[in-house]
């Protein structure tokens, strides 16, 4: 609804009657309405899903990729998987067209298409690996944090090309994990006023945007480095930088992304759901503060993400955070807050207005101006991976390596995938906090 539509509707006598009726409906209605008006959130409608023309254009490019990859792989029946299809559909048409050309190159020029396609599953799993949660608002981090490589082996069954996390042979020096920086968390909490940037609740949890596991050990550094080609295709290069150069900070050295530009303050429960791909933050803009040009205000947009293959069943509810501001979980479900084959319903509310957080709600954070490009890159990475994970069914525990059902000889496009990719994930009643 634009400004003129809103102005016209405000003159509707039925609206005034409805407001008067609401104010008389219960004690405290007047105060509640004033609170809603005073603390109303900024909201920008999420981008519309792909229309038929855009979808058809992307599918034509993907069709060309499939046909060329069948020749490169020597397999006339090869088909893209759900995760590959999801990433390809999210690419800009121009980049997708360029990628379709690259996918057919071989001989003297190495074929980059195949290893990139085969690494997208590993990249997604790498992002969503289970990680330890440490509440830095209440206590110091332990000096030793143990990791295991068994839990992060993200090798896709049946794909020999995909990188693995196997131990380097012959290494005698222990590959000790880094100690996470308390200073980084404290700085982040200070910049975010010790509040959740999404809901405004106090006692926020300082968590990483891109998981610190990506470079906590030398082994992780090498694994992350092996996946940067797959990542570079879906993340834009900053102007003037060489391909892949802008991604070196992800594996430059242990702890290279343990910085304030990769940390954000959110409630502990929302962070757990974020690390399961149930919502994401989209970068909108960054503007230097007039009173302090060394800092910039970053505008982000909140989105609930719906796994395409799930069936809504009430599983868990985020309780009123006024009742759960301590370090313990505020979820009413079991320890596994995202059980297989079950949907997680979430009610996240604004601290002041008490209104549900909706897709499209605007959040702002302050970060140092010199770090803006690095911070944007972190948000772009989580945005693309979280959305592709939801679109492919990964966050709904689907087999993302399963092939898309698509008969290239027929006229029909992959109808099953068309159904979920043409949905913005905010319709219906999947999440009570979603748009109404």
Protein backbone atom coordinates (compact mmCIF):
# COMPACT_ATOMS: atom_id res chain seq x y z
CA UNK A 1 0.00 0.00 0.00
CA UNK A 2 1.54 3.34 -1.05
CA UNK A 3 1.11 6.71 0.67
CA UNK A 4 -1.86 7.80 -1.46
CA UNK A 5 -3.74 4.53 -0.88
CA UNK A 6 -3.16 4.84 2.85
CA UNK A 7 -4.37 8.45 2.86
CA UNK A 8 -7.54 7.46 1.04
CA UNK A 9 -8.27 4.56 3.37
CA UNK A 10 -7.75 6.77 6.41
CA UNK A 11 -10.85 8.72 5.36
CA UNK A 12 -13.00 5.58 5.25
CA UNK A 13 -15.78 6.00 7.86
CA UNK A 14 -15.87 2.24 8.38
CA UNK A 15 -12.27 2.42 9.59
CA UNK A 16 -13.18 4.95 12.26
CA UNK A 17 -16.09 2.79 13.38
CA UNK A 18 -13.82 -0.24 13.60
CA UNK A 19 -11.26 1.67 15.68
CA UNK A 20 -13.95 2.93 18.04
CA UNK A 21 -15.29 -0.60 18.42
CA UNK A 22 -11.79 -1.93 19.14
CA UNK A 23 -11.16 0.67 21.84
CA UNK A 24 -14.31 -0.47 23.63
CA UNK A 25 -13.57 -4.17 23.29
CA UNK A 26 -11.40 -4.60 26.41
CA UNK A 27 -9.63 -2.68 29.14
CA UNK A 28 -6.25 -1.44 28.02
CA UNK A 29 -7.14 -1.38 24.32
CA UNK A 30 -6.44 2.35 24.13
CA UNK A 31 -2.98 2.02 25.69
CA UNK A 32 -2.20 -0.94 23.45
CA UNK A 33 -3.17 0.99 20.33
CA UNK A 34 -1.04 3.96 21.39
CA UNK A 35 1.91 1.63 21.96
CA UNK A 36 1.44 0.10 18.53
CA UNK A 37 1.38 3.54 16.88
CA UNK A 38 4.30 4.88 18.88
CA UNK A 39 6.57 1.89 18.36
CA UNK A 40 5.37 0.77 14.94
CA UNK A 41 8.09 -0.93 12.91
CA UNK A 42 9.30 0.07 9.50
CA UNK A 43 8.41 -2.58 6.96
CA UNK A 44 9.28 -2.89 3.30
CA UNK A 45 7.43 -5.49 1.27
CA UNK A 46 9.73 -8.36 0.28
CA UNK A 47 10.57 -8.66 -3.39
CA UNK A 48 7.95 -10.47 -5.41
CA UNK A 49 8.76 -14.07 -6.37
CA UNK A 50 9.80 -14.87 -9.92
CA UNK A 51 7.08 -14.23 -12.47
CA UNK A 52 6.46 -16.66 -15.33
CA UNK A 53 8.69 -14.82 -17.78
CA UNK A 54 11.65 -14.63 -15.39
CA UNK A 55 11.22 -18.25 -14.38
CA UNK A 56 11.08 -19.41 -18.01
CA UNK A 57 14.22 -17.44 -18.87
CA UNK A 58 16.20 -18.94 -16.00
CA UNK A 59 14.98 -22.42 -16.86
CA UNK A 60 16.23 -22.01 -20.43
CA UNK A 61 19.70 -21.19 -19.15
CA UNK A 62 19.55 -24.10 -16.70
CA UNK A 63 18.45 -26.38 -19.53
CA UNK A 64 21.58 -25.35 -21.46
CA UNK A 65 23.72 -26.06 -18.39
CA UNK A 66 22.23 -29.54 -18.04
CA UNK A 67 22.77 -30.39 -21.70
CA UNK A 68 26.40 -29.21 -21.63
CA UNK A 69 27.13 -30.98 -18.36
CA UNK A 70 25.77 -34.23 -19.75
CA UNK A 71 28.44 -34.04 -22.45
CA UNK A 72 31.20 -32.98 -20.05
CA UNK A 73 30.36 -35.75 -17.59
CA UNK A 74 29.74 -38.36 -20.26
CA UNK A 75 26.33 -39.10 -18.74
CA UNK A 76 23.35 -38.47 -21.01
CA UNK A 77 20.95 -38.87 -18.08
CA UNK A 78 22.63 -36.46 -15.65
CA UNK A 79 20.26 -34.01 -13.98
CA UNK A 80 20.72 -31.14 -11.54
CA UNK A 81 19.91 -31.80 -7.90
CA UNK A 82 17.49 -29.74 -5.84
CA UNK A 83 20.28 -27.73 -4.21
CA UNK A 84 21.93 -27.06 -7.57
CA UNK A 85 18.61 -26.01 -9.07
CA UNK A 86 17.97 -23.68 -6.12
CA UNK A 87 21.30 -21.87 -6.46
CA UNK A 88 20.98 -21.60 -10.23
CA UNK A 89 17.49 -20.12 -10.01
CA UNK A 90 18.71 -17.48 -7.56
CA UNK A 91 21.45 -16.26 -9.90
CA UNK A 92 21.06 -13.05 -11.87
CA UNK A 93 20.07 -13.90 -15.48
CA UNK A 94 23.28 -12.35 -16.84
CA UNK A 95 25.48 -14.32 -14.43
CA UNK A 96 23.43 -17.45 -15.13
CA UNK A 97 23.98 -17.00 -18.86
CA UNK A 98 27.74 -16.62 -18.33
CA UNK A 99 27.77 -19.71 -16.13
CA UNK A 100 25.92 -21.71 -18.77
CA UNK A 101 28.72 -20.87 -21.22
CA UNK A 102 31.44 -21.83 -18.71
CA UNK A 103 29.76 -25.17 -18.06
CA UNK A 104 30.52 -26.30 -21.59
CA UNK A 105 34.22 -25.44 -21.68
CA UNK A 106 36.74 -28.26 -21.55
CA UNK A 107 39.98 -29.35 -23.19
CA UNK A 108 42.66 -26.69 -22.78
CA UNK A 109 40.33 -24.61 -20.62
CA UNK A 110 39.39 -26.42 -17.40
CA UNK A 111 35.68 -26.95 -16.96
CA UNK A 112 34.72 -24.87 -13.96
CA UNK A 113 31.05 -25.73 -14.10
CA UNK A 114 31.26 -29.30 -12.82
CA UNK A 115 33.29 -28.73 -9.61
CA UNK A 116 31.20 -25.68 -8.73
CA UNK A 117 27.92 -27.53 -9.21
CA UNK A 118 29.20 -30.49 -7.23
CA UNK A 119 30.37 -28.27 -4.35
CA UNK A 120 27.10 -26.44 -3.65
CA UNK A 121 25.80 -29.25 -1.47
CA UNK A 122 29.01 -29.23 0.58
CA UNK A 123 28.91 -25.43 0.83
CA UNK A 124 25.39 -25.54 2.25
CA UNK A 125 26.25 -28.26 4.76
CA UNK A 126 29.42 -26.39 5.73
CA UNK A 127 27.35 -23.32 6.60
CA UNK A 128 24.83 -25.20 8.73
CA UNK A 129 27.24 -27.43 10.64
CA UNK A 130 26.31 -27.68 14.34
CA UNK A 131 28.24 -25.14 16.39
CA UNK A 132 28.68 -24.38 20.05
CA UNK A 133 26.65 -21.45 21.38
CA UNK A 134 28.34 -19.23 23.94
CA UNK A 135 26.40 -16.45 25.60
CA UNK A 136 28.97 -13.66 25.84
CA UNK A 137 26.60 -11.30 27.62
CA UNK A 138 26.82 -13.28 30.84
CA UNK A 139 30.23 -14.92 31.19
CA UNK A 140 33.70 -15.24 29.75
CA UNK A 141 34.31 -17.82 27.06
CA UNK A 142 36.23 -20.94 28.07
CA UNK A 143 39.88 -20.88 27.04
CA UNK A 144 39.61 -24.24 25.31
CA UNK A 145 36.87 -25.20 22.88
CA UNK A 146 37.05 -28.70 21.49
CA UNK A 147 36.10 -29.51 17.94
CA UNK A 148 35.89 -32.77 16.08
CA UNK A 149 36.31 -33.30 12.39
CA UNK A 150 33.96 -36.25 12.29
CA UNK A 151 30.88 -34.07 12.70
CA UNK A 152 31.78 -31.72 9.87
CA UNK A 153 32.54 -34.25 7.15
CA UNK A 154 30.26 -32.85 4.50
CA UNK A 155 31.13 -35.19 1.66
CA UNK A 156 28.13 -35.91 -0.52
CA UNK A 157 27.56 -39.63 -1.04
CA UNK A 158 28.37 -40.67 -4.57
CA UNK A 159 30.22 -37.48 -5.49
CA UNK A 160 33.97 -38.09 -5.75
CA UNK A 161 34.63 -34.54 -6.96
CA UNK A 162 33.35 -32.89 -3.82
CA UNK A 163 35.93 -31.71 -1.28
CA UNK A 164 36.19 -33.62 1.96
CA UNK A 165 37.41 -32.79 5.46
CA UNK A 166 39.80 -35.71 5.81
CA UNK A 167 42.87 -35.20 8.01
CA UNK A 168 46.11 -34.15 6.36
CA UNK A 169 48.51 -37.07 6.42
CA UNK A 170 51.90 -36.72 8.07
CA UNK A 171 51.07 -33.64 10.12
CA UNK A 172 52.77 -33.79 13.52
CA UNK A 173 51.84 -30.37 14.89
CA UNK A 174 48.43 -30.24 16.58
CA UNK A 175 45.87 -28.13 14.77
CA UNK A 176 44.46 -26.41 17.83
CA UNK A 177 41.27 -24.38 17.36
CA UNK A 178 41.35 -20.66 17.96
CA UNK A 179 40.12 -19.11 21.17
CA UNK A 180 37.08 -17.06 20.33
CA UNK A 181 37.55 -13.38 21.05
CA UNK A 182 35.62 -11.97 23.99
CA UNK A 183 36.69 -8.52 22.84
CA UNK A 184 34.93 -9.00 19.50
CA UNK A 185 31.68 -9.99 21.18
CA UNK A 186 31.84 -7.13 23.67
CA UNK A 187 32.40 -4.63 20.86
CA UNK A 188 29.46 -6.05 18.91
CA UNK A 189 27.15 -5.88 21.92
CA UNK A 190 28.27 -2.31 22.55
CA UNK A 191 27.57 -1.28 18.95
CA UNK A 192 24.13 -2.97 19.15
CA UNK A 193 23.30 -1.41 22.55
CA UNK A 194 23.18 -4.84 24.20
CA UNK A 195 19.84 -5.56 22.53
CA UNK A 196 18.55 -7.98 19.91
CA UNK A 197 18.67 -6.07 16.62
CA UNK A 198 15.53 -7.89 15.44
CA UNK A 199 13.22 -7.67 18.45
CA UNK A 200 14.86 -4.99 20.60
CA UNK A 201 14.99 -7.24 23.68
CA UNK A 202 17.85 -6.70 26.16
CA UNK A 203 20.44 -9.32 27.10
CA UNK A 204 21.13 -10.17 23.48
CA UNK A 205 23.35 -13.01 22.29
CA UNK A 206 26.36 -12.06 20.15
CA UNK A 207 26.56 -14.60 17.33
CA UNK A 208 28.46 -15.02 14.08
CA UNK A 209 26.88 -14.19 10.72
CA UNK A 210 29.15 -16.60 8.85
CA UNK A 211 30.10 -19.48 11.18
CA UNK A 212 33.46 -19.16 12.92
CA UNK A 213 33.96 -22.88 12.17
CA UNK A 214 34.88 -21.79 8.64
CA UNK A 215 38.36 -20.87 9.87
CA UNK A 216 38.75 -22.08 13.44
CA UNK A 217 41.48 -24.60 12.49
CA UNK A 218 43.95 -25.00 9.63
CA UNK A 219 41.90 -27.93 8.39
CA UNK A 220 38.77 -25.82 8.25
CA UNK A 221 40.73 -23.09 6.46
CA UNK A 222 41.69 -25.51 3.69
CA UNK A 223 38.15 -26.84 3.43
CA UNK A 224 36.65 -23.35 3.23
CA UNK A 225 39.23 -22.40 0.61
CA UNK A 226 38.22 -25.42 -1.49
CA UNK A 227 34.63 -24.16 -1.54
CA UNK A 228 35.28 -20.52 -2.44
CA UNK A 229 34.89 -21.12 -6.19
CA UNK A 230 31.37 -22.40 -5.58
CA UNK A 231 30.74 -19.40 -3.33
CA UNK A 232 32.15 -16.85 -5.78
CA UNK A 233 29.51 -17.69 -8.38
CA UNK A 234 26.66 -16.69 -6.08
CA UNK A 235 28.34 -13.72 -4.31
CA UNK A 236 29.06 -10.54 -6.26
CA UNK A 237 32.65 -9.34 -6.52
CA UNK A 238 33.31 -5.85 -5.15
CA UNK A 239 34.15 -3.42 -7.93
CA UNK A 240 37.76 -3.61 -9.07
CA UNK A 241 38.72 -6.79 -7.21
CA UNK A 242 40.05 -9.88 -8.91
CA UNK A 243 37.85 -13.00 -8.86
CA UNK A 244 38.17 -14.89 -5.57
CA UNK A 245 40.38 -12.16 -4.06
CA UNK A 246 37.48 -10.77 -2.05
CA UNK A 247 36.89 -14.19 -0.48
CA UNK A 248 40.42 -14.62 0.90
CA UNK A 249 39.41 -13.19 4.26
CA UNK A 250 37.37 -16.36 4.82
CA UNK A 251 40.52 -18.50 4.93
CA UNK A 252 43.38 -16.01 5.33
CA UNK A 253 44.29 -17.25 8.81
CA UNK A 254 42.67 -18.85 11.83
CA UNK A 255 40.12 -16.49 13.31
CA UNK A 256 40.21 -14.09 10.35
CA UNK A 257 36.42 -13.60 10.48
CA UNK A 258 36.27 -13.36 14.27
CA UNK A 259 35.59 -9.63 13.88
CA UNK A 260 32.82 -7.17 14.67
CA UNK A 261 31.84 -7.09 10.98
CA UNK A 262 30.91 -10.79 11.23
CA UNK A 263 29.04 -10.65 14.55
CA UNK A 264 25.54 -9.44 15.33
CA UNK A 265 23.41 -9.29 18.47
CA UNK A 266 20.19 -11.29 18.45
CA UNK A 267 18.18 -13.17 21.04
CA UNK A 268 19.59 -16.60 21.85
CA UNK A 269 16.53 -18.44 20.53
CA UNK A 270 16.35 -16.50 17.29
CA UNK A 271 20.03 -17.23 16.73
CA UNK A 272 19.41 -20.97 17.05
CA UNK A 273 16.64 -20.71 14.46
CA UNK A 274 18.89 -18.60 12.24
CA UNK A 275 21.54 -21.31 12.35
CA UNK A 276 18.87 -23.71 11.14
CA UNK A 277 17.93 -21.53 8.18
CA UNK A 278 14.44 -20.52 9.31
CA UNK A 279 15.07 -16.83 8.71
CA UNK A 280 17.63 -14.57 7.08
CA UNK A 281 18.70 -10.93 6.93
CA UNK A 282 18.95 -9.13 3.60
CA UNK A 283 21.39 -6.25 3.21
CA UNK A 284 19.64 -3.10 1.94
CA UNK A 285 22.02 -0.17 2.42
CA UNK A 286 24.74 1.49 4.50
CA UNK A 287 25.09 5.22 5.17
CA UNK A 288 27.81 6.99 7.16
CA UNK A 289 26.57 8.75 10.29
CA UNK A 290 26.64 12.56 9.85
CA UNK A 291 27.72 13.04 13.46
CA UNK A 292 30.39 10.31 13.25
CA UNK A 293 31.56 9.42 9.70
CA UNK A 294 33.80 6.68 11.10
CA UNK A 295 30.62 4.68 11.75
CA UNK A 296 27.80 3.75 9.38
CA UNK A 297 24.17 2.78 9.83
CA UNK A 298 23.39 -0.49 8.07
CA UNK A 299 19.80 -1.22 7.06
CA UNK A 300 18.75 -4.88 6.99
CA UNK A 301 15.48 -6.59 6.10
CA UNK A 302 14.17 -9.56 8.07
CA UNK A 303 12.70 -12.55 6.22
CA UNK A 304 11.09 -15.73 7.51
CA UNK A 305 12.09 -18.64 5.27
CA UNK A 306 9.79 -21.57 4.56
CA UNK A 307 11.25 -24.93 3.48
CA UNK A 308 9.31 -25.85 0.36
CA UNK A 309 8.76 -29.51 1.23
CA UNK A 310 7.40 -29.24 4.79
CA UNK A 311 3.92 -29.73 6.18
CA UNK A 312 2.82 -27.31 8.92
CA UNK A 313 2.44 -29.00 12.30
CA UNK A 314 2.80 -27.09 15.55
CA UNK A 315 6.09 -28.18 17.08
CA UNK A 316 7.68 -25.38 19.10
CA UNK A 317 6.76 -21.92 20.24
CA UNK A 318 8.99 -19.09 21.33
CA UNK A 319 7.54 -17.94 24.64
CA UNK A 320 7.11 -14.35 25.71
CA UNK A 321 10.73 -13.23 26.05
CA UNK A 322 9.82 -11.16 29.08
CA UNK A 323 9.57 -14.51 30.85
CA UNK A 324 12.80 -15.88 29.45
CA UNK A 325 15.53 -13.26 29.45
CA UNK A 326 18.07 -15.52 31.14
CA UNK A 327 20.56 -17.84 29.52
CA UNK A 328 18.19 -20.78 29.38
CA UNK A 329 16.22 -21.54 26.26
CA UNK A 330 12.81 -19.98 25.84
CA UNK A 331 11.56 -22.75 23.58
CA UNK A 332 8.79 -24.99 24.82
CA UNK A 333 9.77 -27.95 22.64
CA UNK A 334 12.43 -30.56 23.37
CA UNK A 335 16.16 -29.89 23.06
CA UNK A 336 16.00 -30.57 19.35
CA UNK A 337 14.14 -27.43 18.36
CA UNK A 338 14.00 -28.49 14.74
CA UNK A 339 13.00 -32.17 14.82
CA UNK A 340 12.95 -34.11 11.56
CA UNK A 341 9.67 -34.02 9.60
CA UNK A 342 8.21 -31.43 11.97
CA UNK A 343 7.62 -27.73 11.38
CA UNK A 344 8.77 -25.12 13.84
CA UNK A 345 6.29 -22.36 14.54
CA UNK A 346 7.80 -19.23 15.93
CA UNK A 347 6.34 -16.17 17.56
CA UNK A 348 8.96 -13.44 17.77
CA UNK A 349 7.68 -10.11 19.04
CA UNK A 350 8.97 -6.56 19.10
CA UNK A 351 10.02 -5.64 22.63
CA UNK A 352 8.22 -2.29 22.69
CA UNK A 353 5.16 -2.71 20.47
CA UNK A 354 4.61 -6.42 21.31
CA UNK A 355 3.74 -6.96 17.65
CA UNK A 356 4.91 -10.07 15.80
CA UNK A 357 8.06 -9.76 13.72
CA UNK A 358 7.06 -9.99 10.05
CA UNK A 359 8.89 -10.66 6.83
CA UNK A 360 9.96 -7.30 5.49
CA UNK A 361 10.55 -5.70 8.90
CA UNK A 362 13.48 -3.30 8.87
CA UNK A 363 16.40 -3.60 11.30
CA UNK A 364 19.39 -1.28 11.66
CA UNK A 365 22.85 -1.79 13.11
CA UNK A 366 25.93 0.40 13.49
CA UNK A 367 29.33 -0.78 12.27
CA UNK A 368 32.63 0.89 11.46
CA UNK A 369 32.63 2.53 8.03
CA UNK A 370 35.96 0.95 7.05
CA UNK A 371 34.41 -2.50 7.56
CA UNK A 372 31.25 -1.97 5.51
CA UNK A 373 32.37 -4.02 2.48
CA UNK A 374 33.42 -6.95 4.67
CA UNK A 375 30.20 -6.79 6.67
CA UNK A 376 28.09 -6.73 3.51
CA UNK A 377 29.91 -9.79 2.22
CA UNK A 378 29.07 -11.74 5.38
CA UNK A 379 25.38 -10.85 5.12
CA UNK A 380 25.34 -11.66 1.40
CA UNK A 381 26.81 -15.10 2.08
CA UNK A 382 24.23 -15.97 4.76
CA UNK A 383 21.40 -14.54 2.62
CA UNK A 384 22.17 -16.64 -0.45
CA UNK A 385 22.92 -19.86 1.42
CA UNK A 386 19.92 -19.60 3.76
CA UNK A 387 17.54 -18.95 0.87
CA UNK A 388 18.94 -21.73 -1.30
CA UNK A 389 18.76 -24.09 1.68
CA UNK A 390 15.09 -23.27 2.17
CA UNK A 391 14.26 -23.42 -1.55
CA UNK A 392 15.93 -26.82 -1.94
CA UNK A 393 14.27 -28.32 1.13
CA UNK A 394 17.55 -28.62 3.05
CA UNK A 395 16.13 -26.88 6.13
CA UNK A 396 13.12 -29.16 5.89
CA UNK A 397 15.37 -32.23 6.02
CA UNK A 398 14.85 -33.16 2.39
CA UNK A 399 17.45 -35.01 0.34
CA UNK A 400 18.92 -32.06 -1.55
CA UNK A 401 21.08 -34.37 -3.66
CA UNK A 402 17.98 -35.94 -5.19
CA UNK A 403 17.60 -35.05 -8.85
CA UNK A 404 14.96 -32.60 -10.03
CA UNK A 405 12.17 -34.24 -11.99
CA UNK A 406 12.48 -32.59 -15.39
CA UNK A 407 12.00 -34.11 -18.83
CA UNK A 408 14.10 -31.91 -21.10
CA UNK A 409 12.44 -33.39 -24.18
CA UNK A 410 9.01 -32.29 -23.01
CA UNK A 411 7.49 -28.82 -22.98
CA UNK A 412 6.74 -28.79 -19.27
CA UNK A 413 9.10 -27.09 -16.84
CA UNK A 414 9.86 -28.79 -13.50
CA UNK A 415 6.39 -28.26 -12.05
CA UNK A 416 7.22 -29.43 -8.53
CA UNK A 417 10.04 -26.93 -8.22
CA UNK A 418 8.05 -24.23 -9.97
CA UNK A 419 5.45 -24.49 -7.24
CA UNK A 420 7.85 -23.70 -4.41
CA UNK A 421 10.18 -21.29 -6.20
CA UNK A 422 7.19 -19.16 -7.22
CA UNK A 423 6.24 -18.75 -3.56
CA UNK A 424 7.78 -16.07 -1.38
CA UNK A 425 7.51 -18.16 1.79
CA UNK A 426 5.42 -15.59 3.60
CA UNK A 427 1.88 -16.58 2.66
CA UNK A 428 -0.58 -18.49 4.75
CA UNK A 429 -0.10 -19.35 8.39
CA UNK A 430 3.22 -21.19 8.34
CA UNK A 431 4.73 -18.70 10.76
CA UNK A 432 2.54 -16.63 13.06
CA UNK A 433 5.23 -13.97 12.82
CA UNK A 434 5.02 -13.82 9.03
CA UNK A 435 3.25 -11.15 6.98
CA UNK A 436 -0.48 -10.94 7.45
